[in-house]
Amino acid sequence: MLDWDYLDLADETRRQLRRYQNRVWEDSEALFPSRQSDRITDRSVRNVVTRVAEEAGVCPYRIEGGRGDSLEVSPHTFRHSIAFRMIRRENKRLEDVTLRLRHANLQTTDEVYGHFRRQ
């Protein structure tokens, strides 16, 4: 079983994940086991995210302005959304974003997300 206390999650989210994990294959260490292998593949995750985004009509904001298409949503889109929220909505420092996204150094975070501070 995964240790949900290790992750920075809301208590209700932690409870829901524990409940979910108890319903899936109990002998799996994976959060999302697959019937074909021990774990769901990266491609399968991308496919699920894209399908759900399309069904929900999600149209992500583009860096250059405007809105994108739901087919452009990927798991990596969530990383960008987290960084955006932390910087623009929560006024967090780039150091905090570096830690959350587990970048190797602050320079990487600044190169990718520094423009969020200047908008």
C-alpha atoms as a PDB file:
ATOM      1  CA  MET A   1       0.000   0.000   0.000  1.00  0.00           C
ATOM      2  CA  LEU A   2       1.099   3.533  -0.714  1.00  0.00           C
ATOM      3  CA  ASP A   3       1.852   5.846   2.182  1.00  0.00           C
ATOM      4  CA  TRP A   4      -0.638   8.685   1.648  1.00  0.00           C
ATOM      5  CA  ASP A   5       0.788  10.630   4.563  1.00  0.00           C
ATOM      6  CA  TYR A   6       3.933  11.235   2.506  1.00  0.00           C
ATOM      7  CA  LEU A   7       2.006  13.327  -0.024  1.00  0.00           C
ATOM      8  CA  ASP A   8       0.796  16.868   0.623  1.00  0.00           C
ATOM      9  CA  LEU A   9      -2.918  16.151   0.175  1.00  0.00           C
ATOM     10  CA  ALA A  10      -6.108  17.345   1.794  1.00  0.00           C
ATOM     11  CA  ASP A  11      -7.472  14.900   4.373  1.00  0.00           C
ATOM     12  CA  GLU A  12     -10.568  14.142   2.274  1.00  0.00           C
ATOM     13  CA  THR A  13      -8.439  13.434  -0.800  1.00  0.00           C
ATOM     14  CA  ARG A  14      -6.261  11.094   1.253  1.00  0.00           C
ATOM     15  CA  ARG A  15      -9.388   9.256   2.520  1.00  0.00           C
ATOM     16  CA  GLN A  16     -10.791   8.907  -1.002  1.00  0.00           C
ATOM     17  CA  LEU A  17      -7.509   7.538  -2.332  1.00  0.00           C
ATOM     18  CA  ARG A  18      -7.281   5.007   0.487  1.00  0.00           C
ATOM     19  CA  ARG A  19     -10.868   3.918  -0.250  1.00  0.00           C
ATOM     20  CA  TYR A  20     -10.082   3.615  -3.947  1.00  0.00           C
ATOM     21  CA  GLN A  21      -6.946   1.608  -3.307  1.00  0.00           C
ATOM     22  CA  ASN A  22      -8.837  -0.828  -1.100  1.00  0.00           C
ATOM     23  CA  ARG A  23     -11.244  -1.497  -3.991  1.00  0.00           C
ATOM     24  CA  VAL A  24      -8.566  -2.247  -6.608  1.00  0.00           C
ATOM     25  CA  TRP A  25      -6.263  -5.232  -6.609  1.00  0.00           C
ATOM     26  CA  GLU A  26      -5.055  -5.432  -3.034  1.00  0.00           C
ATOM     27  CA  ASP A  27      -1.753  -7.082  -3.897  1.00  0.00           C
ATOM     28  CA  SER A  28      -0.608  -4.206  -6.126  1.00  0.00           C
ATOM     29  CA  GLU A  29       1.753  -1.474  -4.992  1.00  0.00           C
ATOM     30  CA  ALA A  30       0.640   0.671  -7.938  1.00  0.00           C
ATOM     31  CA  LEU A  31      -2.014   3.336  -7.514  1.00  0.00           C
ATOM     32  CA  PHE A  32      -3.405   2.507 -10.951  1.00  0.00           C
ATOM     33  CA  PRO A  33      -2.720  -1.152 -11.697  1.00  0.00           C
ATOM     34  CA  SER A  34      -3.435  -2.542 -15.127  1.00  0.00           C
ATOM     35  CA  ARG A  35      -5.006  -5.819 -16.110  1.00  0.00           C
ATOM     36  CA  GLN A  36      -2.208  -6.325 -18.655  1.00  0.00           C
ATOM     37  CA  SER A  37       0.763  -5.402 -16.451  1.00  0.00           C
ATOM     38  CA  ASP A  38       1.723  -4.323 -12.944  1.00  0.00           C
ATOM     39  CA  ARG A  39       1.112  -0.654 -13.671  1.00  0.00           C
ATOM     40  CA  ILE A  40      -0.778   1.519 -16.095  1.00  0.00           C
ATOM     41  CA  THR A  41       1.533   2.826 -18.827  1.00  0.00           C
ATOM     42  CA  ASP A  42       2.416   6.461 -19.518  1.00  0.00           C
ATOM     43  CA  ARG A  43       0.547   6.245 -22.795  1.00  0.00           C
ATOM     44  CA  SER A  44      -2.575   4.952 -21.030  1.00  0.00           C
ATOM     45  CA  VAL A  45      -2.450   7.846 -18.566  1.00  0.00           C
ATOM     46  CA  ARG A  46      -2.147  10.336 -21.443  1.00  0.00           C
ATOM     47  CA  ASN A  47      -5.081   8.687 -23.218  1.00  0.00           C
ATOM     48  CA  VAL A  48      -7.280   8.826 -20.111  1.00  0.00           C
ATOM     49  CA  VAL A  49      -6.417  12.473 -19.425  1.00  0.00           C
ATOM     50  CA  THR A  50      -7.087  13.465 -23.038  1.00  0.00           C
ATOM     51  CA  ARG A  51     -10.388  11.576 -23.159  1.00  0.00           C
ATOM     52  CA  VAL A  52     -11.630  13.038 -19.885  1.00  0.00           C
ATOM     53  CA  ALA A  53     -10.566  16.561 -20.914  1.00  0.00           C
ATOM     54  CA  GLU A  54     -12.433  16.152 -24.188  1.00  0.00           C
ATOM     55  CA  GLU A  55     -15.565  14.830 -22.452  1.00  0.00           C
ATOM     56  CA  ALA A  56     -15.431  17.703 -19.955  1.00  0.00           C
ATOM     57  CA  GLY A  57     -14.848  20.295 -22.672  1.00  0.00           C
ATOM     58  CA  VAL A  58     -11.626  21.557 -21.091  1.00  0.00           C
ATOM     59  CA  CYS A  59      -9.976  24.265 -23.187  1.00  0.00           C
ATOM     60  CA  PRO A  60      -6.627  25.144 -21.592  1.00  0.00           C
ATOM     61  CA  TYR A  61      -5.163  28.627 -21.701  1.00  0.00           C
ATOM     62  CA  ARG A  62      -2.167  28.980 -23.994  1.00  0.00           C
ATOM     63  CA  ILE A  63       1.005  30.781 -22.956  1.00  0.00           C
ATOM     64  CA  GLU A  64       0.824  32.913 -26.098  1.00  0.00           C
ATOM     65  CA  GLY A  65      -2.793  33.812 -25.300  1.00  0.00           C
ATOM     66  CA  GLY A  66      -6.177  32.419 -26.135  1.00  0.00           C
ATOM     67  CA  ARG A  67      -7.551  28.991 -25.435  1.00  0.00           C
ATOM     68  CA  GLY A  68      -6.379  25.616 -26.662  1.00  0.00           C
ATOM     69  CA  ASP A  69      -8.273  22.518 -27.657  1.00  0.00           C
ATOM     70  CA  SER A  70      -9.141  19.716 -25.230  1.00  0.00           C
ATOM     71  CA  LEU A  71      -6.919  17.389 -27.275  1.00  0.00           C
ATOM     72  CA  GLU A  72      -3.940  19.494 -26.142  1.00  0.00           C
ATOM     73  CA  VAL A  73      -4.498  18.576 -22.490  1.00  0.00           C
ATOM     74  CA  SER A  74      -1.918  16.134 -21.140  1.00  0.00           C
ATOM     75  CA  PRO A  75      -0.612  15.054 -17.746  1.00  0.00           C
ATOM     76  CA  HIS A  76       2.116  17.667 -18.213  1.00  0.00           C
ATOM     77  CA  THR A  77      -0.603  20.313 -18.493  1.00  0.00           C
ATOM     78  CA  PHE A  78      -1.322  19.643 -14.819  1.00  0.00           C
ATOM     79  CA  ARG A  79       2.270  20.550 -13.901  1.00  0.00           C
ATOM     80  CA  HIS A  80       1.894  23.866 -15.688  1.00  0.00           C
ATOM     81  CA  SER A  81      -1.458  24.456 -13.982  1.00  0.00           C
ATOM     82  CA  ILE A  82       0.060  23.792 -10.560  1.00  0.00           C
ATOM     83  CA  ALA A  83       2.918  26.211 -11.226  1.00  0.00           C
ATOM     84  CA  PHE A  84       0.521  28.864 -12.541  1.00  0.00           C
ATOM     85  CA  ARG A  85      -1.760  28.545  -9.523  1.00  0.00           C
ATOM     86  CA  MET A  86       1.125  28.688  -7.069  1.00  0.00           C
ATOM     87  CA  ILE A  87       2.716  31.751  -8.661  1.00  0.00           C
ATOM     88  CA  ARG A  88      -0.269  33.788  -9.819  1.00  0.00           C
ATOM     89  CA  ARG A  89      -3.055  32.833  -7.417  1.00  0.00           C
ATOM     90  CA  GLU A  90      -1.212  31.907  -4.215  1.00  0.00           C
ATOM     91  CA  ASN A  91       1.724  34.327  -4.641  1.00  0.00           C
ATOM     92  CA  LYS A  92       4.228  31.570  -3.869  1.00  0.00           C
ATOM     93  CA  ARG A  93       7.933  32.028  -4.492  1.00  0.00           C
ATOM     94  CA  LEU A  94       9.687  30.254  -7.363  1.00  0.00           C
ATOM     95  CA  GLU A  95      11.606  28.297  -4.717  1.00  0.00           C
ATOM     96  CA  ASP A  96       8.293  26.808  -3.554  1.00  0.00           C
ATOM     97  CA  VAL A  97       7.401  25.846  -7.128  1.00  0.00           C
ATOM     98  CA  THR A  98      10.844  24.279  -7.572  1.00  0.00           C
ATOM     99  CA  LEU A  99      10.234  22.073  -4.543  1.00  0.00           C
ATOM    100  CA  ARG A 100       6.673  21.144  -5.536  1.00  0.00           C
ATOM    101  CA  LEU A 101       7.599  20.220  -9.112  1.00  0.00           C
ATOM    102  CA  ARG A 102      10.867  18.619  -7.973  1.00  0.00           C
ATOM    103  CA  HIS A 103      13.023  20.552 -10.391  1.00  0.00           C
ATOM    104  CA  ALA A 104      16.753  20.027  -9.941  1.00  0.00           C
ATOM    105  CA  ASN A 105      17.347  23.742  -9.433  1.00  0.00           C
ATOM    106  CA  LEU A 106      15.703  27.155  -9.312  1.00  0.00           C
ATOM    107  CA  GLN A 107      17.085  28.126 -12.728  1.00  0.00           C
ATOM    108  CA  THR A 108      14.983  25.427 -14.421  1.00  0.00           C
ATOM    109  CA  THR A 109      11.844  26.706 -12.712  1.00  0.00           C
ATOM    110  CA  ASP A 110      12.653  30.316 -13.604  1.00  0.00           C
ATOM    111  CA  GLU A 111      13.270  29.446 -17.271  1.00  0.00           C
ATOM    112  CA  VAL A 112       9.949  27.634 -17.591  1.00  0.00           C
ATOM    113  CA  TYR A 113       7.677  29.581 -15.234  1.00  0.00           C
ATOM    114  CA  GLY A 114       9.410  32.879 -14.470  1.00  0.00           C
ATOM    115  CA  HIS A 115       7.218  34.679 -17.002  1.00  0.00           C
ATOM    116  CA  PHE A 116       4.179  33.964 -14.796  1.00  0.00           C
ATOM    117  CA  ARG A 117       5.556  36.457 -12.275  1.00  0.00           C
ATOM    118  CA  ARG A 118       5.994  39.178 -14.880  1.00  0.00           C
ATOM    119  CA  GLN A 119       2.502  39.093 -16.383  1.00  0.00           C
END
